Amino acid sequence: MTEEERAQLVDISTVYIDPSLPPAERAADYIRQIKDPCCFLCNGAVVRLKFNPEGKDLKTHLKNYFIACKQA
C-alpha cells in the first residue's frame, strides 16, 4: 500500500457511533464515517478484512458480531 493510499484511510478511533440513533442509521453513519469498512486504520495499523469465499457472508458475520456485543 502506498503512503497516498494509507493517507486516505480512516482511523477507527475517530469514528463516533451515536447510540441515540436507530440501528439502521447508526450503521449508515458508521459506513459514511469509515468510508471503507473492509480497509481502515486502527491506532495507525492498516486493517484489511477478507472473507473466505466458501465461508459465511458479511451480513452473517456482522449480525453475529452485534449479537455478541449486545450480550456482553
PDB file of N, CA and C in Angstrom:
ATOM      1  N   MET A   1       0.851  -1.168   0.000  1.00  0.00           N
ATOM      2  CA  MET A   1       0.000   0.000   0.000  1.00  0.00           C
ATOM      3  C   MET A   1       0.899   1.234   0.000  1.00  0.00           C
ATOM      4  N   THR A   2       0.581   2.168  -0.863  1.00  0.00           N
ATOM      5  CA  THR A   2       1.380   3.390  -0.938  1.00  0.00           C
ATOM      6  C   THR A   2       1.012   4.322   0.215  1.00  0.00           C
ATOM      7  N   GLU A   3       1.879   5.263   0.486  1.00  0.00           N
ATOM      8  CA  GLU A   3       1.611   6.260   1.531  1.00  0.00           C
ATOM      9  C   GLU A   3       0.374   7.089   1.177  1.00  0.00           C
ATOM     10  N   GLU A   4       0.175   7.334  -0.103  1.00  0.00           N
ATOM     11  CA  GLU A   4      -1.001   8.086  -0.549  1.00  0.00           C
ATOM     12  C   GLU A   4      -2.283   7.312  -0.253  1.00  0.00           C
ATOM     13  N   GLU A   5      -2.268   6.011  -0.524  1.00  0.00           N
ATOM     14  CA  GLU A   5      -3.429   5.163  -0.226  1.00  0.00           C
ATOM     15  C   GLU A   5      -3.673   5.093   1.274  1.00  0.00           C
ATOM     16  N   ARG A   6      -2.594   4.939   2.037  1.00  0.00           N
ATOM     17  CA  ARG A   6      -2.690   4.855   3.502  1.00  0.00           C
ATOM     18  C   ARG A   6      -3.255   6.143   4.082  1.00  0.00           C
ATOM     19  N   ALA A   7      -2.877   7.263   3.494  1.00  0.00           N
ATOM     20  CA  ALA A   7      -3.346   8.566   3.976  1.00  0.00           C
ATOM     21  C   ALA A   7      -4.854   8.742   3.774  1.00  0.00           C
ATOM     22  N   GLN A   8      -5.432   7.972   2.859  1.00  0.00           N
ATOM     23  CA  GLN A   8      -6.875   8.064   2.590  1.00  0.00           C
ATOM     24  C   GLN A   8      -7.704   7.245   3.580  1.00  0.00           C
ATOM     25  N   LEU A   9      -7.048   6.363   4.345  1.00  0.00           N
ATOM     26  CA  LEU A   9      -7.777   5.501   5.274  1.00  0.00           C
ATOM     27  C   LEU A   9      -8.187   6.264   6.526  1.00  0.00           C
ATOM     28  N   VAL A  10      -9.297   5.859   7.106  1.00  0.00           N
ATOM     29  CA  VAL A  10      -9.830   6.476   8.324  1.00  0.00           C
ATOM     30  C   VAL A  10      -9.401   5.631   9.518  1.00  0.00           C
ATOM     31  N   ASP A  11      -8.955   6.292  10.585  1.00  0.00           N
ATOM     32  CA  ASP A  11      -8.635   5.571  11.818  1.00  0.00           C
ATOM     33  C   ASP A  11      -9.936   5.343  12.572  1.00  0.00           C
ATOM     34  N   ILE A  12     -10.217   4.095  12.872  1.00  0.00           N
ATOM     35  CA  ILE A  12     -11.481   3.729  13.511  1.00  0.00           C
ATOM     36  C   ILE A  12     -11.668   4.430  14.858  1.00  0.00           C
ATOM     37  N   SER A  13     -10.575   4.832  15.493  1.00  0.00           N
ATOM     38  CA  SER A  13     -10.688   5.517  16.787  1.00  0.00           C
ATOM     39  C   SER A  13     -11.344   6.887  16.652  1.00  0.00           C
ATOM     40  N   THR A  14     -11.418   7.408  15.431  1.00  0.00           N
ATOM     41  CA  THR A  14     -12.050   8.716  15.219  1.00  0.00           C
ATOM     42  C   THR A  14     -13.533   8.598  14.884  1.00  0.00           C
ATOM     43  N   VAL A  15     -14.010   7.374  14.723  1.00  0.00           N
ATOM     44  CA  VAL A  15     -15.418   7.148  14.363  1.00  0.00           C
ATOM     45  C   VAL A  15     -16.268   7.180  15.623  1.00  0.00           C
ATOM     46  N   TYR A  16     -17.330   7.976  15.598  1.00  0.00           N
ATOM     47  CA  TYR A  16     -18.250   8.071  16.728  1.00  0.00           C
ATOM     48  C   TYR A  16     -19.585   7.458  16.332  1.00  0.00           C
ATOM     49  N   ILE A  17     -20.061   6.537  17.146  1.00  0.00           N
ATOM     50  CA  ILE A  17     -21.375   5.921  16.930  1.00  0.00           C
ATOM     51  C   ILE A  17     -22.343   6.546  17.925  1.00  0.00           C
ATOM     52  N   ASP A  18     -23.348   7.223  17.416  1.00  0.00           N
ATOM     53  CA  ASP A  18     -24.349   7.886  18.252  1.00  0.00           C
ATOM     54  C   ASP A  18     -25.378   6.851  18.712  1.00  0.00           C
ATOM     55  N   PRO A  19     -25.362   6.482  19.986  1.00  0.00           N
ATOM     56  CA  PRO A  19     -26.272   5.439  20.467  1.00  0.00           C
ATOM     57  C   PRO A  19     -27.746   5.847  20.435  1.00  0.00           C
ATOM     58  N   SER A  20     -28.025   7.128  20.257  1.00  0.00           N
ATOM     59  CA  SER A  20     -29.423   7.568  20.220  1.00  0.00           C
ATOM     60  C   SER A  20     -30.068   7.323  18.855  1.00  0.00           C
ATOM     61  N   LEU A  21     -29.260   7.025  17.839  1.00  0.00           N
ATOM     62  CA  LEU A  21     -29.806   6.777  16.502  1.00  0.00           C
ATOM     63  C   LEU A  21     -30.371   5.362  16.414  1.00  0.00           C
ATOM     64  N   PRO A  22     -31.378   5.173  15.565  1.00  0.00           N
ATOM     65  CA  PRO A  22     -31.880   3.814  15.318  1.00  0.00           C
ATOM     66  C   PRO A  22     -30.770   2.967  14.681  1.00  0.00           C
ATOM     67  N   PRO A  23     -30.830   1.645  14.831  1.00  0.00           N
ATOM     68  CA  PRO A  23     -29.763   0.774  14.325  1.00  0.00           C
ATOM     69  C   PRO A  23     -29.384   1.009  12.859  1.00  0.00           C
ATOM     70  N   ALA A  24     -30.356   1.142  11.992  1.00  0.00           N
ATOM     71  CA  ALA A  24     -30.055   1.332  10.560  1.00  0.00           C
ATOM     72  C   ALA A  24     -29.308   2.646  10.329  1.00  0.00           C
ATOM     73  N   GLU A  25     -29.680   3.691  11.046  1.00  0.00           N
ATOM     74  CA  GLU A  25     -28.993   4.977  10.903  1.00  0.00           C
ATOM     75  C   GLU A  25     -27.592   4.922  11.496  1.00  0.00           C
ATOM     76  N   ARG A  26     -27.422   4.179  12.611  1.00  0.00           N
ATOM     77  CA  ARG A  26     -26.074   4.007  13.184  1.00  0.00           C
ATOM     78  C   ARG A  26     -25.165   3.320  12.181  1.00  0.00           C
ATOM     79  N   ALA A  27     -25.672   2.263  11.549  1.00  0.00           N
ATOM     80  CA  ALA A  27     -24.875   1.533  10.564  1.00  0.00           C
ATOM     81  C   ALA A  27     -24.519   2.430   9.378  1.00  0.00           C
ATOM     82  N   ALA A  28     -25.498   3.170   8.877  1.00  0.00           N
ATOM     83  CA  ALA A  28     -25.248   4.067   7.745  1.00  0.00           C
ATOM     84  C   ALA A  28     -24.239   5.152   8.115  1.00  0.00           C
ATOM     85  N   ASP A  29     -24.344   5.689   9.322  1.00  0.00           N
ATOM     86  CA  ASP A  29     -23.419   6.723   9.764  1.00  0.00           C
ATOM     87  C   ASP A  29     -22.010   6.154   9.920  1.00  0.00           C
ATOM     88  N   TYR A  30     -21.903   4.932  10.426  1.00  0.00           N
ATOM     89  CA  TYR A  30     -20.605   4.276  10.548  1.00  0.00           C
ATOM     90  C   TYR A  30     -19.951   4.136   9.167  1.00  0.00           C
ATOM     91  N   ILE A  31     -20.704   3.644   8.208  1.00  0.00           N
ATOM     92  CA  ILE A  31     -20.184   3.472   6.844  1.00  0.00           C
ATOM     93  C   ILE A  31     -19.758   4.818   6.264  1.00  0.00           C
ATOM     94  N   ARG A  32     -20.556   5.841   6.494  1.00  0.00           N
ATOM     95  CA  ARG A  32     -20.221   7.180   5.984  1.00  0.00           C
ATOM     96  C   ARG A  32     -18.898   7.649   6.580  1.00  0.00           C
ATOM     97  N   GLN A  33     -18.706   7.434   7.877  1.00  0.00           N
ATOM     98  CA  GLN A  33     -17.503   7.906   8.542  1.00  0.00           C
ATOM     99  C   GLN A  33     -16.265   7.078   8.185  1.00  0.00           C
ATOM    100  N   ILE A  34     -16.383   5.757   8.164  1.00  0.00           N
ATOM    101  CA  ILE A  34     -15.221   4.884   7.965  1.00  0.00           C
ATOM    102  C   ILE A  34     -14.832   4.798   6.489  1.00  0.00           C
ATOM    103  N   LYS A  35     -15.764   5.109   5.601  1.00  0.00           N
ATOM    104  CA  LYS A  35     -15.588   5.109   4.147  1.00  0.00           C
ATOM    105  C   LYS A  35     -15.442   3.705   3.575  1.00  0.00           C
ATOM    106  N   ASP A  36     -14.474   2.922   4.039  1.00  0.00           N
ATOM    107  CA  ASP A  36     -14.285   1.559   3.545  1.00  0.00           C
ATOM    108  C   ASP A  36     -14.227   0.621   4.753  1.00  0.00           C
ATOM    109  N   PRO A  37     -15.332  -0.054   5.067  1.00  0.00           N
ATOM    110  CA  PRO A  37     -15.351  -0.902   6.260  1.00  0.00           C
ATOM    111  C   PRO A  37     -14.450  -2.128   6.161  1.00  0.00           C
ATOM    112  N   CYS A  38     -13.900  -2.398   4.993  1.00  0.00           N
ATOM    113  CA  CYS A  38     -13.000  -3.541   4.831  1.00  0.00           C
ATOM    114  C   CYS A  38     -11.530  -3.136   4.826  1.00  0.00           C
ATOM    115  N   CYS A  39     -11.240  -1.836   4.923  1.00  0.00           N
ATOM    116  CA  CYS A  39      -9.853  -1.376   4.964  1.00  0.00           C
ATOM    117  C   CYS A  39      -9.824  -0.032   5.693  1.00  0.00           C
ATOM    118  N   PHE A  40      -9.215  -0.039   6.885  1.00  0.00           N
ATOM    119  CA  PHE A  40      -9.164   1.171   7.702  1.00  0.00           C
ATOM    120  C   PHE A  40      -7.941   1.098   8.602  1.00  0.00           C
ATOM    121  N   LEU A  41      -7.731   2.128   9.393  1.00  0.00           N
ATOM    122  CA  LEU A  41      -6.624   2.149  10.344  1.00  0.00           C
ATOM    123  C   LEU A  41      -7.149   1.896  11.750  1.00  0.00           C
ATOM    124  N   CYS A  42      -6.313   1.273  12.566  1.00  0.00           N
ATOM    125  CA  CYS A  42      -6.604   1.084  13.983  1.00  0.00           C
ATOM    126  C   CYS A  42      -5.314   1.396  14.733  1.00  0.00           C
ATOM    127  N   ASN A  43      -5.303   2.547  15.405  1.00  0.00           N
ATOM    128  CA  ASN A  43      -4.087   3.004  16.093  1.00  0.00           C
ATOM    129  C   ASN A  43      -2.880   3.020  15.158  1.00  0.00           C
ATOM    130  N   GLY A  44      -3.097   3.459  13.935  1.00  0.00           N
ATOM    131  CA  GLY A  44      -2.022   3.587  12.968  1.00  0.00           C
ATOM    132  C   GLY A  44      -1.718   2.345  12.153  1.00  0.00           C
ATOM    133  N   ALA A  45      -2.292   1.202  12.523  1.00  0.00           N
ATOM    134  CA  ALA A  45      -2.064  -0.042  11.780  1.00  0.00           C
ATOM    135  C   ALA A  45      -3.163  -0.229  10.733  1.00  0.00           C
ATOM    136  N   VAL A  46      -2.771  -0.645   9.547  1.00  0.00           N
ATOM    137  CA  VAL A  46      -3.742  -0.905   8.485  1.00  0.00           C
ATOM    138  C   VAL A  46      -4.455  -2.217   8.787  1.00  0.00           C
ATOM    139  N   VAL A  47      -5.790  -2.180   8.731  1.00  0.00           N
ATOM    140  CA  VAL A  47      -6.620  -3.377   8.942  1.00  0.00           C
ATOM    141  C   VAL A  47      -7.362  -3.641   7.642  1.00  0.00           C
ATOM    142  N   ARG A  48      -7.178  -4.842   7.118  1.00  0.00           N
ATOM    143  CA  ARG A  48      -7.902  -5.263   5.911  1.00  0.00           C
ATOM    144  C   ARG A  48      -8.701  -6.505   6.250  1.00  0.00           C
ATOM    145  N   LEU A  49      -9.987  -6.449   5.989  1.00  0.00           N
ATOM    146  CA  LEU A  49     -10.844  -7.596   6.242  1.00  0.00           C
ATOM    147  C   LEU A  49     -11.031  -8.375   4.950  1.00  0.00           C
ATOM    148  N   LYS A  50     -10.811  -9.664   5.037  1.00  0.00           N
ATOM    149  CA  LYS A  50     -11.033 -10.555   3.901  1.00  0.00           C
ATOM    150  C   LYS A  50     -11.810 -11.751   4.407  1.00  0.00           C
ATOM    151  N   PHE A  51     -12.685 -12.251   3.576  1.00  0.00           N
ATOM    152  CA  PHE A  51     -13.522 -13.370   3.959  1.00  0.00           C
ATOM    153  C   PHE A  51     -13.295 -14.546   3.028  1.00  0.00           C
ATOM    154  N   ASN A  52     -13.405 -15.716   3.571  1.00  0.00           N
ATOM    155  CA  ASN A  52     -13.278 -16.947   2.820  1.00  0.00           C
ATOM    156  C   ASN A  52     -14.456 -17.049   1.854  1.00  0.00           C
ATOM    157  N   PRO A  53     -14.211 -17.250   0.558  1.00  0.00           N
ATOM    158  CA  PRO A  53     -15.313 -17.341  -0.400  1.00  0.00           C
ATOM    159  C   PRO A  53     -16.321 -18.440  -0.067  1.00  0.00           C
ATOM    160  N   GLU A  54     -15.867 -19.487   0.609  1.00  0.00           N
ATOM    161  CA  GLU A  54     -16.766 -20.573   0.984  1.00  0.00           C
ATOM    162  C   GLU A  54     -17.367 -20.363   2.368  1.00  0.00           C
ATOM    163  N   GLY A  55     -16.998 -19.263   3.032  1.00  0.00           N
ATOM    164  CA  GLY A  55     -17.465 -19.007   4.389  1.00  0.00           C
ATOM    165  C   GLY A  55     -18.777 -18.241   4.423  1.00  0.00           C
ATOM    166  N   LYS A  56     -19.126 -17.790   5.629  1.00  0.00           N
ATOM    167  CA  LYS A  56     -20.355 -17.018   5.820  1.00  0.00           C
ATOM    168  C   LYS A  56     -20.221 -15.652   5.149  1.00  0.00           C
ATOM    169  N   ASP A  57     -21.361 -15.067   4.760  1.00  0.00           N
ATOM    170  CA  ASP A  57     -21.312 -13.755   4.133  1.00  0.00           C
ATOM    171  C   ASP A  57     -21.151 -12.652   5.189  1.00  0.00           C
ATOM    172  N   LEU A  58     -20.840 -11.448   4.741  1.00  0.00           N
ATOM    173  CA  LEU A  58     -20.592 -10.325   5.643  1.00  0.00           C
ATOM    174  C   LEU A  58     -21.796 -10.043   6.526  1.00  0.00           C
ATOM    175  N   LYS A  59     -22.984 -10.148   5.981  1.00  0.00           N
ATOM    176  CA  LYS A  59     -24.194  -9.891   6.766  1.00  0.00           C
ATOM    177  C   LYS A  59     -24.265 -10.821   7.976  1.00  0.00           C
ATOM    178  N   THR A  60     -23.962 -12.077   7.774  1.00  0.00           N
ATOM    179  CA  THR A  60     -23.986 -13.053   8.869  1.00  0.00           C
ATOM    180  C   THR A  60     -22.916 -12.730   9.906  1.00  0.00           C
ATOM    181  N   HIS A  61     -21.714 -12.392   9.454  1.00  0.00           N
ATOM    182  CA  HIS A  61     -20.641 -12.036  10.381  1.00  0.00           C
ATOM    183  C   HIS A  61     -21.019 -10.806  11.211  1.00  0.00           C
ATOM    184  N   LEU A  62     -21.548  -9.787  10.552  1.00  0.00           N
ATOM    185  CA  LEU A  62     -21.929  -8.571  11.282  1.00  0.00           C
ATOM    186  C   LEU A  62     -23.067  -8.844  12.259  1.00  0.00           C
ATOM    187  N   LYS A  63     -24.039  -9.617  11.839  1.00  0.00           N
ATOM    188  CA  LYS A  63     -25.158  -9.959  12.716  1.00  0.00           C
ATOM    189  C   LYS A  63     -24.641 -10.676  13.965  1.00  0.00           C
ATOM    190  N   ASN A  64     -23.797 -11.670  13.785  1.00  0.00           N
ATOM    191  CA  ASN A  64     -23.239 -12.401  14.921  1.00  0.00           C
ATOM    192  C   ASN A  64     -22.406 -11.494  15.817  1.00  0.00           C
ATOM    193  N   TYR A  65     -21.652 -10.599  15.214  1.00  0.00           N
ATOM    194  CA  TYR A  65     -20.827  -9.672  15.985  1.00  0.00           C
ATOM    195  C   TYR A  65     -21.696  -8.773  16.868  1.00  0.00           C
ATOM    196  N   PHE A  66     -22.723  -8.174  16.294  1.00  0.00           N
ATOM    197  CA  PHE A  66     -23.564  -7.257  17.063  1.00  0.00           C
ATOM    198  C   PHE A  66     -24.381  -7.983  18.123  1.00  0.00           C
ATOM    199  N   ILE A  67     -24.785  -9.214  17.852  1.00  0.00           N
ATOM    200  CA  ILE A  67     -25.473 -10.016  18.879  1.00  0.00           C
ATOM    201  C   ILE A  67     -24.529 -10.257  20.050  1.00  0.00           C
ATOM    202  N   ALA A  68     -23.283 -10.603  19.736  1.00  0.00           N
ATOM    203  CA  ALA A  68     -22.292 -10.851  20.801  1.00  0.00           C
ATOM    204  C   ALA A  68     -22.026  -9.582  21.604  1.00  0.00           C
ATOM    205  N   CYS A  69     -21.970  -8.438  20.943  1.00  0.00           N
ATOM    206  CA  CYS A  69     -21.745  -7.159  21.636  1.00  0.00           C
ATOM    207  C   CYS A  69     -22.915  -6.854  22.571  1.00  0.00           C
ATOM    208  N   LYS A  70     -24.104  -7.124  22.101  1.00  0.00           N
ATOM    209  CA  LYS A  70     -25.304  -6.837  22.894  1.00  0.00           C
ATOM    210  C   LYS A  70     -25.359  -7.716  24.128  1.00  0.00           C
ATOM    211  N   GLN A  71     -24.855  -8.947  24.029  1.00  0.00           N
ATOM    212  CA  GLN A  71     -24.890  -9.878  25.155  1.00  0.00           C
ATOM    213  C   GLN A  71     -23.777  -9.621  26.159  1.00  0.00           C
ATOM    214  N   ALA A  72     -22.751  -8.884  25.750  1.00  0.00           N
ATOM    215  CA  ALA A  72     -21.601  -8.618  26.656  1.00  0.00           C
ATOM    216  C   ALA A  72     -21.919  -7.556  27.678  1.00  0.00           C
TER     217      ALA A  72
END
